[in-house]
């Protein structure tokens, strides 16, 4: 019976919590929160760590407890949020002890935190066991959890929990990345990107802290920097928690590419500058010893710093370009392809045809829910994601004294972002208006910068097409006038011809 229920649970999506489950979740949350707060109070009353380390732990605990409280308040019925909330509270307790602590209580809480965290990774974001391998990882994690309890209690004299736990966490992260590749909606993809960013950055910081703490015992230089390793460890936990919080609350989901790009630039630039500095200093030191017969001392460090400073801007430009190409490809394609497309279409396309080519590409690049192009007289040229009637009604209410009002951030505004298309010849302004993102947020600086980059090409193409269409309309109107004049002349000439032709006949009959 139990096996059948477990099989059903693995094959279906976890249901939303309700009734007794919500009560049990809240009771467990309160107990863990009281334990974490009590532990922090005890550490303040009877400090056993360095004041700086204690301050870092208190700051981390405040962030994790706040994140857990927000998840409890905003997503009380979400099973994935419940697992994460309890895992973060357990992490608050365990990470407040030293790395090498052998106390039984933090060891047991660490095992509980491991199981909750791995299950949350496997079920994120919608509570489904997808892909199928996640069920095997969940069972393996449960077995490793039991092994960890046995090791912590002294029942089993092995040390296999840590390598097995690392393997389970790595398998859960791989499953999360597989979900990212197969996500069916853009919102789910953005959620997974935020979580991936938090996990990569946070786990990287935690591993650096663990490695530094392990190596510091053998290095006299690193042995005097325990605060650095503690700071990296606590910061890594905070970054992981914030990544999950942003994803579950769906707050500015579509800034994930920007955050990932900036993080990659910062990390790669830091590594590159440190490598340049270390390599240059070592080279100068070796050359000085080989040819001058003495150590370069402070000179090598100063020269290495100078070389790193000179290379900082070129490295930043190259790394930023790489990160943009890798993580913000939609914006890169918009800035690269749209001007070329408009040059090809401008020779013969109408403004409506240009709008039909421009708006879908802008919507896709900046994740806009709707967009429209309007003439200086608020006539709709093209619209995407909304009806023409809605845009016309909106344009009448958005006009104030003949011009568009300033940018508004209201959620009820149909097009909160409005970009003027100034014509340099006539001085008139058309308008490119954009709706919010699917999560209701406005577009970021990178999105608006990309639009500003393609704005001259859009303005030129629309100006040429509008001028050509106006010239065609004038020509058509002139031809209609000429045809009317010719018809009028024919109407006048026909009666006169008839009268002239009948007069000789009348004279002969007379």
Protein backbone atom coordinates (compact mmCIF):
# COMPACT_ATOMS: atom_id res chain seq x y z
CA UNK A 1 0.00 0.00 0.00
CA UNK A 2 2.76 2.43 0.96
CA UNK A 3 4.74 1.46 -2.13
CA UNK A 4 1.70 2.10 -4.34
CA UNK A 5 1.17 5.54 -2.78
CA UNK A 6 4.84 6.38 -3.29
CA UNK A 7 4.61 5.30 -6.94
CA UNK A 8 1.55 7.54 -7.45
CA UNK A 9 3.35 10.44 -5.81
CA UNK A 10 6.35 10.00 -8.11
CA UNK A 11 4.20 9.81 -11.24
CA UNK A 12 2.07 12.89 -10.58
CA UNK A 13 2.55 16.49 -9.64
CA UNK A 14 2.68 17.26 -5.94
CA UNK A 15 -0.65 18.81 -4.91
CA UNK A 16 -0.94 22.18 -3.22
CA UNK A 17 -0.77 22.03 0.55
CA UNK A 18 -4.01 22.39 2.44
CA UNK A 19 -5.63 21.74 5.77
CA UNK A 20 -3.44 19.66 8.06
CA UNK A 21 -0.43 19.87 5.79
CA UNK A 22 -0.41 23.67 5.96
CA UNK A 23 -0.80 23.52 9.74
CA UNK A 24 2.05 21.02 10.03
CA UNK A 25 4.21 23.16 7.76
CA UNK A 26 3.57 26.27 9.85
CA UNK A 27 4.22 24.39 13.10
CA UNK A 28 7.52 23.01 11.79
CA UNK A 29 8.47 26.44 10.48
CA UNK A 30 7.79 28.06 13.86
CA UNK A 31 9.87 25.44 15.69
CA UNK A 32 12.82 25.85 13.34
CA UNK A 33 12.55 29.64 13.43
CA UNK A 34 12.52 29.62 17.25
CA UNK A 35 15.53 27.31 17.24
CA UNK A 36 17.43 29.58 14.84
CA UNK A 37 16.58 32.72 16.80
CA UNK A 38 17.50 31.01 20.08
CA UNK A 39 20.83 29.92 18.64
CA UNK A 40 21.56 33.46 17.47
CA UNK A 41 20.64 34.88 20.87
CA UNK A 42 22.94 32.37 22.57
CA UNK A 43 25.78 33.29 20.23
CA UNK A 44 25.31 36.95 21.14
CA UNK A 45 25.17 36.32 24.86
CA UNK A 46 28.06 33.87 24.87
CA UNK A 47 30.18 34.63 21.81
CA UNK A 48 32.68 31.93 20.86
CA UNK A 49 33.72 33.27 17.45
CA UNK A 50 35.53 36.35 16.21
CA UNK A 51 33.27 39.47 16.24
CA UNK A 52 33.56 39.85 12.46
CA UNK A 53 32.61 36.19 11.91
CA UNK A 54 29.72 36.56 14.33
CA UNK A 55 28.49 39.63 12.44
CA UNK A 56 28.61 37.73 9.15
CA UNK A 57 26.61 34.86 10.61
CA UNK A 58 24.01 37.23 12.05
CA UNK A 59 23.63 38.99 8.71
CA UNK A 60 23.25 35.68 6.89
CA UNK A 61 20.73 34.44 9.47
CA UNK A 62 18.66 37.61 9.11
CA UNK A 63 18.53 37.17 5.32
CA UNK A 64 17.61 33.48 5.46
CA UNK A 65 14.93 33.95 8.11
CA UNK A 66 13.46 36.85 6.10
CA UNK A 67 13.44 34.74 2.92
CA UNK A 68 11.76 31.85 4.76
CA UNK A 69 9.16 34.19 6.26
CA UNK A 70 8.38 35.70 2.85
CA UNK A 71 7.94 32.25 1.33
CA UNK A 72 5.65 31.22 4.20
CA UNK A 73 3.56 34.36 3.81
CA UNK A 74 3.39 34.52 0.00
CA UNK A 75 3.52 30.83 -1.00
CA UNK A 76 2.09 28.96 2.00
CA UNK A 77 0.42 26.26 -0.16
CA UNK A 78 3.30 25.67 -2.57
CA UNK A 79 5.10 22.41 -1.62
CA UNK A 80 8.35 23.49 -3.31
CA UNK A 81 8.35 26.80 -1.43
CA UNK A 82 7.65 24.90 1.81
CA UNK A 83 10.64 22.60 1.24
CA UNK A 84 12.89 25.56 0.50
CA UNK A 85 11.65 27.56 3.49
CA UNK A 86 12.34 24.72 5.92
CA UNK A 87 15.69 24.02 4.24
CA UNK A 88 16.78 27.65 4.66
CA UNK A 89 15.82 27.65 8.33
CA UNK A 90 17.80 24.44 8.83
CA UNK A 91 20.68 26.03 6.95
CA UNK A 92 20.50 29.02 9.31
CA UNK A 93 21.12 26.67 12.22
CA UNK A 94 23.85 24.52 10.67
CA UNK A 95 25.83 27.31 9.00
CA UNK A 96 26.13 29.16 12.33
CA UNK A 97 28.68 26.56 13.48
CA UNK A 98 32.28 26.20 12.35
CA UNK A 99 33.05 24.12 9.27
CA UNK A 100 34.72 21.35 11.25
CA UNK A 101 32.16 21.20 14.04
CA UNK A 102 31.45 17.65 15.25
CA UNK A 103 28.46 18.44 17.47
CA UNK A 104 25.54 16.08 17.02
CA UNK A 105 22.79 18.73 16.69
CA UNK A 106 24.29 20.64 13.73
CA UNK A 107 25.14 17.33 12.03
CA UNK A 108 21.54 16.10 12.26
CA UNK A 109 20.14 19.43 11.06
CA UNK A 110 22.65 19.43 8.23
CA UNK A 111 21.32 16.04 7.06
CA UNK A 112 17.74 17.30 7.21
CA UNK A 113 18.69 20.42 5.29
CA UNK A 114 20.40 18.29 2.63
CA UNK A 115 17.31 16.16 2.01
CA UNK A 116 14.90 19.13 1.93
CA UNK A 117 17.15 21.09 -0.41
CA UNK A 118 17.70 18.23 -2.88
CA UNK A 119 13.97 17.48 -3.02
CA UNK A 120 13.23 21.15 -3.66
CA UNK A 121 15.76 21.18 -6.51
CA UNK A 122 14.25 18.07 -8.06
CA UNK A 123 10.68 19.40 -7.85
CA UNK A 124 11.36 23.01 -8.81
CA UNK A 125 9.44 24.98 -10.06
CA UNK A 126 6.06 23.27 -10.52
CA UNK A 127 6.32 20.23 -8.21
CA UNK A 128 6.63 17.68 -11.05
CA UNK A 129 9.07 14.78 -11.14
CA UNK A 130 10.63 15.76 -14.45
CA UNK A 131 12.76 14.39 -16.05
CA UNK A 132 12.16 10.76 -15.09
CA UNK A 133 15.64 10.38 -13.60
CA UNK A 134 14.68 12.72 -10.75
CA UNK A 135 12.78 9.90 -9.08
CA UNK A 136 15.94 7.81 -8.85
CA UNK A 137 17.88 10.81 -7.53
CA UNK A 138 15.19 11.35 -4.87
CA UNK A 139 15.42 7.74 -3.70
CA UNK A 140 19.22 7.91 -3.67
CA UNK A 141 19.07 11.15 -1.66
CA UNK A 142 16.78 9.51 0.89
CA UNK A 143 19.28 6.65 1.26
CA UNK A 144 22.17 9.10 1.65
CA UNK A 145 20.11 11.00 4.25
CA UNK A 146 19.68 7.81 6.30
CA UNK A 147 23.40 7.10 5.94
CA UNK A 148 24.16 10.59 7.20
CA UNK A 149 21.93 10.10 10.23
CA UNK A 150 23.68 6.82 10.99
CA UNK A 151 27.11 8.43 10.63
CA UNK A 152 26.16 11.42 12.78
CA UNK A 153 24.77 9.18 15.51
CA UNK A 154 27.87 6.98 15.49
CA UNK A 155 25.97 3.86 14.37
CA UNK A 156 27.99 3.55 11.14
CA UNK A 157 31.73 4.34 11.32
CA UNK A 158 32.01 5.52 7.70
CA UNK A 159 32.72 8.88 6.08
CA UNK A 160 30.74 8.38 2.87
CA UNK A 161 27.93 10.87 3.48
CA UNK A 162 29.74 13.97 2.18
CA UNK A 163 30.87 12.58 -1.23
CA UNK A 164 27.49 10.91 -1.78
CA UNK A 165 25.66 14.10 -0.77
CA UNK A 166 27.74 16.15 -3.19
CA UNK A 167 26.88 13.66 -5.93
CA UNK A 168 23.15 13.92 -5.19
CA UNK A 169 23.26 17.72 -5.22
CA UNK A 170 25.18 17.68 -8.52
CA UNK A 171 22.61 15.28 -10.03
CA UNK A 172 19.77 17.57 -8.85
CA UNK A 173 21.48 20.58 -10.44
CA UNK A 174 21.89 18.65 -13.71
CA UNK A 175 18.16 17.80 -13.61
CA UNK A 176 17.40 21.47 -13.07
CA UNK A 177 19.47 22.42 -16.12
CA UNK A 178 17.63 19.77 -18.14
CA UNK A 179 14.35 21.40 -17.15
CA UNK A 180 15.76 24.73 -18.34
CA UNK A 181 16.41 23.30 -21.79
CA UNK A 182 12.94 21.76 -22.08
CA UNK A 183 10.86 24.52 -20.41
CA UNK A 184 7.64 25.10 -22.33
CA UNK A 185 6.93 28.68 -21.24
CA UNK A 186 9.15 31.74 -21.15
CA UNK A 187 8.20 32.46 -17.52
CA UNK A 188 9.33 28.98 -16.40
CA UNK A 189 12.56 29.43 -18.33
CA UNK A 190 13.24 32.73 -16.59
CA UNK A 191 12.51 31.18 -13.19
CA UNK A 192 15.02 28.42 -13.85
CA UNK A 193 17.61 30.94 -15.04
CA UNK A 194 17.36 32.88 -11.76
CA UNK A 195 17.76 29.67 -9.77
CA UNK A 196 20.68 28.54 -11.93
CA UNK A 197 22.39 31.89 -11.39
CA UNK A 198 21.94 31.68 -7.63
CA UNK A 199 23.13 28.08 -7.48
CA UNK A 200 26.20 28.57 -9.66
CA UNK A 201 27.29 31.72 -7.85
CA UNK A 202 26.38 30.49 -4.37
CA UNK A 203 27.85 27.00 -4.68
CA UNK A 204 30.97 28.49 -6.24
CA UNK A 205 31.45 30.78 -3.24
CA UNK A 206 30.78 27.93 -0.81
CA UNK A 207 33.30 25.65 -2.55
CA UNK A 208 35.89 28.44 -2.53
CA UNK A 209 35.31 28.87 1.21
CA UNK A 210 35.60 25.13 1.85
CA UNK A 211 38.76 24.86 -0.25
CA UNK A 212 40.30 27.91 1.37
CA UNK A 213 39.55 26.62 4.85
CA UNK A 214 41.13 23.25 3.96
CA UNK A 215 44.26 24.76 2.40
CA UNK A 216 44.74 27.45 5.03
CA UNK A 217 46.02 24.91 7.55
CA UNK A 218 49.02 24.16 5.31
CA UNK A 219 49.66 27.75 4.18
CA UNK A 220 50.95 30.40 6.61
CA UNK A 221 49.58 33.15 4.38
CA UNK A 222 46.07 31.76 4.12
CA UNK A 223 46.00 30.63 7.75
CA UNK A 224 45.54 34.23 8.88
CA UNK A 225 42.38 34.81 6.78
CA UNK A 226 39.54 32.84 8.42
CA UNK A 227 37.23 35.83 8.12
CA UNK A 228 37.59 35.75 4.32
CA UNK A 229 36.56 32.09 4.10
CA UNK A 230 33.68 32.63 6.51
CA UNK A 231 32.50 35.63 4.52
CA UNK A 232 32.58 33.68 1.25
CA UNK A 233 30.70 30.78 2.85
CA UNK A 234 27.93 32.93 4.33
CA UNK A 235 27.64 35.02 1.15
CA UNK A 236 27.23 31.86 -0.93
CA UNK A 237 24.28 30.75 1.22
CA UNK A 238 22.66 34.17 0.90
CA UNK A 239 23.07 34.18 -2.90
CA UNK A 240 21.42 30.75 -3.22
CA UNK A 241 18.48 31.84 -1.06
CA UNK A 242 17.95 35.09 -2.97
CA UNK A 243 18.01 33.26 -6.31
CA UNK A 244 15.16 31.01 -5.19
CA UNK A 245 13.25 33.92 -3.64
CA UNK A 246 13.29 36.02 -6.82
CA UNK A 247 12.26 33.01 -8.89
CA UNK A 248 9.34 31.92 -6.69
CA UNK A 249 8.00 35.45 -6.18
CA UNK A 250 8.36 36.08 -9.94
CA UNK A 251 9.89 39.48 -9.21
CA UNK A 252 11.49 40.93 -12.36
CA UNK A 253 11.86 37.49 -13.87
CA UNK A 254 12.92 38.86 -17.23
CA UNK A 255 16.03 40.55 -15.82
CA UNK A 256 17.64 37.13 -15.50
CA UNK A 257 19.74 37.50 -18.66
CA UNK A 258 21.03 40.87 -17.49
CA UNK A 259 21.93 39.54 -14.04
CA UNK A 260 23.64 36.47 -15.51
CA UNK A 261 25.57 38.58 -18.01
CA UNK A 262 26.81 41.01 -15.37
CA UNK A 263 27.75 38.22 -13.00
CA UNK A 264 29.69 36.45 -15.73
CA UNK A 265 31.50 39.68 -16.63
CA UNK A 266 32.41 40.32 -12.98
CA UNK A 267 33.63 36.77 -12.37
CA UNK A 268 35.60 36.49 -15.62
CA UNK A 269 37.11 39.97 -15.23
CA UNK A 270 38.18 39.21 -11.66
CA UNK A 271 39.84 35.95 -12.69
CA UNK A 272 41.52 37.60 -15.69
CA UNK A 273 42.90 40.54 -13.69
CA UNK A 274 44.17 38.28 -10.91
CA UNK A 275 45.80 35.97 -13.46
CA UNK A 276 47.45 38.90 -15.25
CA UNK A 277 48.68 40.35 -11.98
CA UNK A 278 50.04 37.04 -10.66
CA UNK A 279 51.64 36.04 -13.98
CA UNK A 280 53.24 39.45 -14.52
CA UNK A 281 54.58 39.62 -10.98
CA UNK A 282 56.04 36.10 -11.18
CA UNK A 283 57.62 36.83 -14.58
CA UNK A 284 59.21 40.08 -13.41
CA UNK A 285 60.46 38.41 -10.24
CA UNK A 286 62.03 35.52 -12.18
CA UNK A 287 63.60 37.85 -14.76
CA UNK A 288 65.02 40.02 -11.99
CA UNK A 289 66.55 37.06 -10.25
CA UNK A 290 67.97 35.63 -13.49
CA UNK A 291 69.52 38.77 -14.98
CA UNK A 292 69.99 41.11 -12.04
CA UNK A 293 70.84 38.55 -9.42
CA UNK A 294 68.40 39.94 -6.88
CA UNK A 295 64.71 39.91 -6.07
CA UNK A 296 62.59 42.63 -7.60
CA UNK A 297 60.60 42.96 -4.37
CA UNK A 298 57.99 45.68 -4.39
CA UNK A 299 58.96 46.70 -7.91
CA UNK A 300 57.50 43.52 -9.38
CA UNK A 301 54.20 44.03 -7.54
CA UNK A 302 53.96 47.67 -8.66
CA UNK A 303 54.74 46.81 -12.29
CA UNK A 304 52.24 43.92 -12.24
CA UNK A 305 49.56 46.23 -10.86
CA UNK A 306 50.32 48.76 -13.60
CA UNK A 307 50.04 46.09 -16.31
CA UNK A 308 46.73 44.87 -14.85
CA UNK A 309 45.40 48.44 -14.75
CA UNK A 310 46.38 49.03 -18.38
CA UNK A 311 44.67 45.82 -19.51
CA UNK A 312 41.55 46.37 -17.39
CA UNK A 313 39.52 48.32 -19.97
CA UNK A 314 40.38 46.08 -22.98
CA UNK A 315 39.60 42.99 -20.92
CA UNK A 316 36.32 44.49 -19.74
CA UNK A 317 35.26 45.33 -23.31
CA UNK A 318 36.12 41.87 -24.63
CA UNK A 319 34.50 40.02 -21.74
CA UNK A 320 31.39 42.23 -21.86
CA UNK A 321 31.02 41.58 -25.58
CA UNK A 322 31.36 37.83 -25.01
CA UNK A 323 28.82 37.84 -22.15
CA UNK A 324 26.32 39.81 -24.21
CA UNK A 325 26.69 37.43 -27.15
CA UNK A 326 26.28 34.43 -24.85
CA UNK A 327 23.56 35.50 -22.41
CA UNK A 328 21.65 38.33 -24.16
CA UNK A 329 21.49 36.94 -27.65
CA UNK A 330 18.00 38.29 -28.37
CA UNK A 331 19.16 41.87 -27.89
CA UNK A 332 22.27 41.24 -29.97
CA UNK A 333 20.19 39.83 -32.83
CA UNK A 334 17.81 42.79 -32.62
CA UNK A 335 20.62 45.33 -32.89
CA UNK A 336 22.38 43.40 -35.65
CA UNK A 337 19.57 42.12 -37.88
CA UNK A 338 16.78 44.71 -37.67
CA UNK A 339 18.69 47.62 -39.32
CA UNK A 340 19.76 45.33 -42.19
CA UNK A 341 16.19 44.10 -42.64
CA UNK A 342 14.84 47.65 -42.70
CA UNK A 343 17.38 48.67 -45.35
CA UNK A 344 16.11 45.84 -47.55
CA UNK A 345 12.44 46.66 -46.96
CA UNK A 346 12.60 50.45 -47.04
CA UNK A 347 12.81 50.64 -50.84
CA UNK A 348 9.33 49.25 -51.46
CA UNK A 349 7.49 48.47 -48.22
CA UNK A 350 4.64 50.52 -46.83
CA UNK A 351 4.63 51.79 -43.23
CA UNK A 352 2.16 49.05 -42.31
CA UNK A 353 4.44 46.37 -43.78
CA UNK A 354 7.42 47.84 -41.94
CA UNK A 355 5.48 47.78 -38.68
CA UNK A 356 4.55 44.14 -39.25
CA UNK A 357 8.28 43.34 -39.56
CA UNK A 358 9.50 45.57 -36.70
CA UNK A 359 7.10 44.90 -33.83
CA UNK A 360 7.37 41.08 -33.52
CA UNK A 361 11.16 41.30 -33.38
CA UNK A 362 11.10 44.00 -30.70
CA UNK A 363 8.53 42.07 -28.65
CA UNK A 364 10.63 38.93 -28.79
CA UNK A 365 13.89 40.69 -27.89
CA UNK A 366 12.64 42.76 -24.92
CA UNK A 367 9.81 40.37 -23.85
CA UNK A 368 7.09 42.96 -24.41
CA UNK A 369 3.51 41.72 -24.19
CA UNK A 370 2.31 44.22 -26.83
CA UNK A 371 3.58 47.08 -28.95
CA UNK A 372 2.37 49.56 -31.53
CA UNK A 373 3.60 52.16 -34.00
CA UNK A 374 1.70 55.45 -34.27
CA UNK A 375 1.95 58.46 -36.54
CA UNK A 376 2.37 62.00 -35.17
CA UNK A 377 -1.43 62.33 -35.47
CA UNK A 378 -1.89 59.20 -33.29
CA UNK A 379 -2.99 57.12 -36.25
CA UNK A 380 -2.17 53.45 -35.75
CA UNK A 381 0.39 52.17 -38.25
CA UNK A 382 0.79 48.65 -36.85
CA UNK A 383 -0.01 46.83 -33.62
CA UNK A 384 1.19 43.56 -32.08
CA UNK A 385 -0.37 41.80 -29.09
CA UNK A 386 -3.44 44.07 -28.85
CA UNK A 387 -6.39 45.12 -30.99
CA UNK A 388 -6.34 48.21 -33.14
CA UNK A 389 -9.48 49.52 -31.46
CA UNK A 390 -7.88 49.27 -28.00
CA UNK A 391 -4.84 51.16 -29.24
CA UNK A 392 -6.99 53.88 -30.79
CA UNK A 393 -8.99 54.31 -27.59
CA UNK A 394 -5.79 54.37 -25.55
CA UNK A 395 -4.20 56.97 -27.84
CA UNK A 396 -7.20 59.28 -27.38
CA UNK A 397 -6.95 59.08 -23.60
CA UNK A 398 -3.13 59.27 -23.60
CA UNK A 399 -3.07 62.53 -25.54
CA UNK A 400 -2.75 65.71 -23.54
CA UNK A 401 -2.94 68.92 -25.47
CA UNK A 402 -1.92 67.30 -28.72
CA UNK A 403 1.10 65.41 -27.34
CA UNK A 404 1.71 62.24 -25.39
CA UNK A 405 1.95 62.55 -21.64
CA UNK A 406 5.11 61.53 -19.79
CA UNK A 407 6.05 57.93 -19.12
CA UNK A 408 3.80 56.30 -16.54
CA UNK A 409 4.56 53.21 -14.49
CA UNK A 410 0.95 52.32 -13.72
CA UNK A 411 0.04 48.66 -14.10
CA UNK A 412 -3.27 49.63 -15.72
CA UNK A 413 -1.55 51.53 -18.52
CA UNK A 414 -1.73 49.71 -21.83
CA UNK A 415 1.63 51.06 -23.05
CA UNK A 416 3.74 52.40 -20.18
CA UNK A 417 6.90 52.73 -22.31
CA UNK A 418 6.77 55.29 -25.13
CA UNK A 419 9.66 56.16 -27.40
CA UNK A 420 9.45 59.20 -29.70
CA UNK A 421 10.40 58.81 -33.36
CA UNK A 422 11.52 62.36 -34.20
CA UNK A 423 11.74 63.17 -37.88
CA UNK A 424 14.79 65.43 -38.45
CA UNK A 425 13.21 67.03 -41.56
CA UNK A 426 9.66 67.86 -40.52
CA UNK A 427 10.26 67.88 -36.77
CA UNK A 428 7.18 65.73 -36.19
CA UNK A 429 7.23 62.72 -33.87
CA UNK A 430 5.76 59.33 -34.36
CA UNK A 431 5.67 56.89 -31.49
CA UNK A 432 6.87 53.39 -30.69
CA UNK A 433 4.92 52.28 -27.61
CA UNK A 434 5.57 49.12 -25.61
CA UNK A 435 3.53 47.19 -23.10
CA UNK A 436 5.02 45.67 -19.92
CA UNK A 437 6.65 42.28 -19.64
CA UNK A 438 4.57 39.19 -18.90
CA UNK A 439 5.28 39.60 -15.16
CA UNK A 440 4.06 43.21 -15.23
CA UNK A 441 7.50 44.79 -14.80
CA UNK A 442 8.93 47.50 -17.04
CA UNK A 443 11.87 46.96 -19.32
CA UNK A 444 15.44 47.25 -18.09
CA UNK A 445 18.17 49.63 -19.18
CA UNK A 446 19.70 47.09 -21.55
CA UNK A 447 16.35 46.60 -23.31
CA UNK A 448 15.81 50.33 -23.75
CA UNK A 449 19.42 50.78 -24.88
CA UNK A 450 18.90 48.14 -27.57
CA UNK A 451 15.74 49.91 -28.75
CA UNK A 452 17.62 53.23 -28.84
CA UNK A 453 20.28 51.52 -30.94
CA UNK A 454 17.82 50.47 -33.65
CA UNK A 455 15.71 53.62 -33.37
CA UNK A 456 17.53 55.59 -36.14
CA UNK A 457 17.01 52.73 -38.61
CA UNK A 458 13.30 52.51 -37.70
CA UNK A 459 12.88 56.27 -38.02
CA UNK A 460 14.60 56.42 -41.41
CA UNK A 461 12.65 53.48 -42.82
CA UNK A 462 9.31 54.85 -41.62
CA UNK A 463 10.16 58.36 -42.90
CA UNK A 464 11.05 57.05 -46.34
CA UNK A 465 7.99 54.83 -46.46
CA UNK A 466 5.71 57.64 -45.25
CA UNK A 467 7.20 60.09 -47.77
CA UNK A 468 6.84 57.55 -50.57
CA UNK A 469 3.26 56.79 -49.56
CA UNK A 470 2.42 60.50 -49.34
CA UNK A 471 3.94 61.06 -52.79
CA UNK A 472 1.94 58.14 -54.14
CA UNK A 473 -1.24 59.53 -52.59
CA UNK A 474 -0.54 62.97 -54.11
CA UNK A 475 0.10 61.36 -57.49
CA UNK A 476 -3.08 59.29 -57.22
CA UNK A 477 -5.05 62.35 -56.15
CA UNK A 478 -3.64 64.37 -59.08
CA UNK A 479 -4.51 61.59 -61.51
CA UNK A 480 -8.03 61.46 -60.09
CA UNK A 481 -8.33 65.22 -60.52
CA UNK A 482 -7.04 65.00 -64.09
CA UNK A 483 -9.46 62.20 -64.90
CA UNK A 484 -12.27 64.28 -63.45
CA UNK A 485 -11.26 67.29 -65.50
CA UNK A 486 -11.05 65.16 -68.66
CA UNK A 487 -14.49 63.70 -67.94
CA UNK A 488 -15.88 67.18 -67.40
CA UNK A 489 -14.38 68.41 -70.65
CA UNK A 490 -15.84 65.44 -72.48
CA UNK A 491 -19.21 66.15 -70.96
CA UNK A 492 -19.00 69.73 -72.15
CA UNK A 493 -17.76 68.81 -75.63
CA UNK A 494 -20.31 66.09 -76.37
CA UNK A 495 -23.41 68.34 -76.29
CA UNK A 496 -21.62 70.96 -78.37
CA UNK A 497 -20.65 68.33 -80.96
CA UNK A 498 -24.22 67.06 -81.10
CA UNK A 499 -25.58 70.53 -81.65
CA UNK A 500 -23.03 71.34 -84.34
CA UNK A 501 -23.74 68.10 -86.21
CA UNK A 502 -27.52 68.61 -86.31
CA UNK A 503 -27.54 72.20 -87.65
CA UNK A 504 -26.67 71.38 -91.33
CA UNK A 505 -29.41 68.78 -91.44
CA UNK A 506 -31.89 71.34 -90.20
CA UNK A 507 -30.74 73.79 -92.87
CA UNK A 508 -31.18 71.19 -95.70
CA UNK A 509 -34.64 70.23 -94.53
CA UNK A 510 -35.56 73.85 -94.43
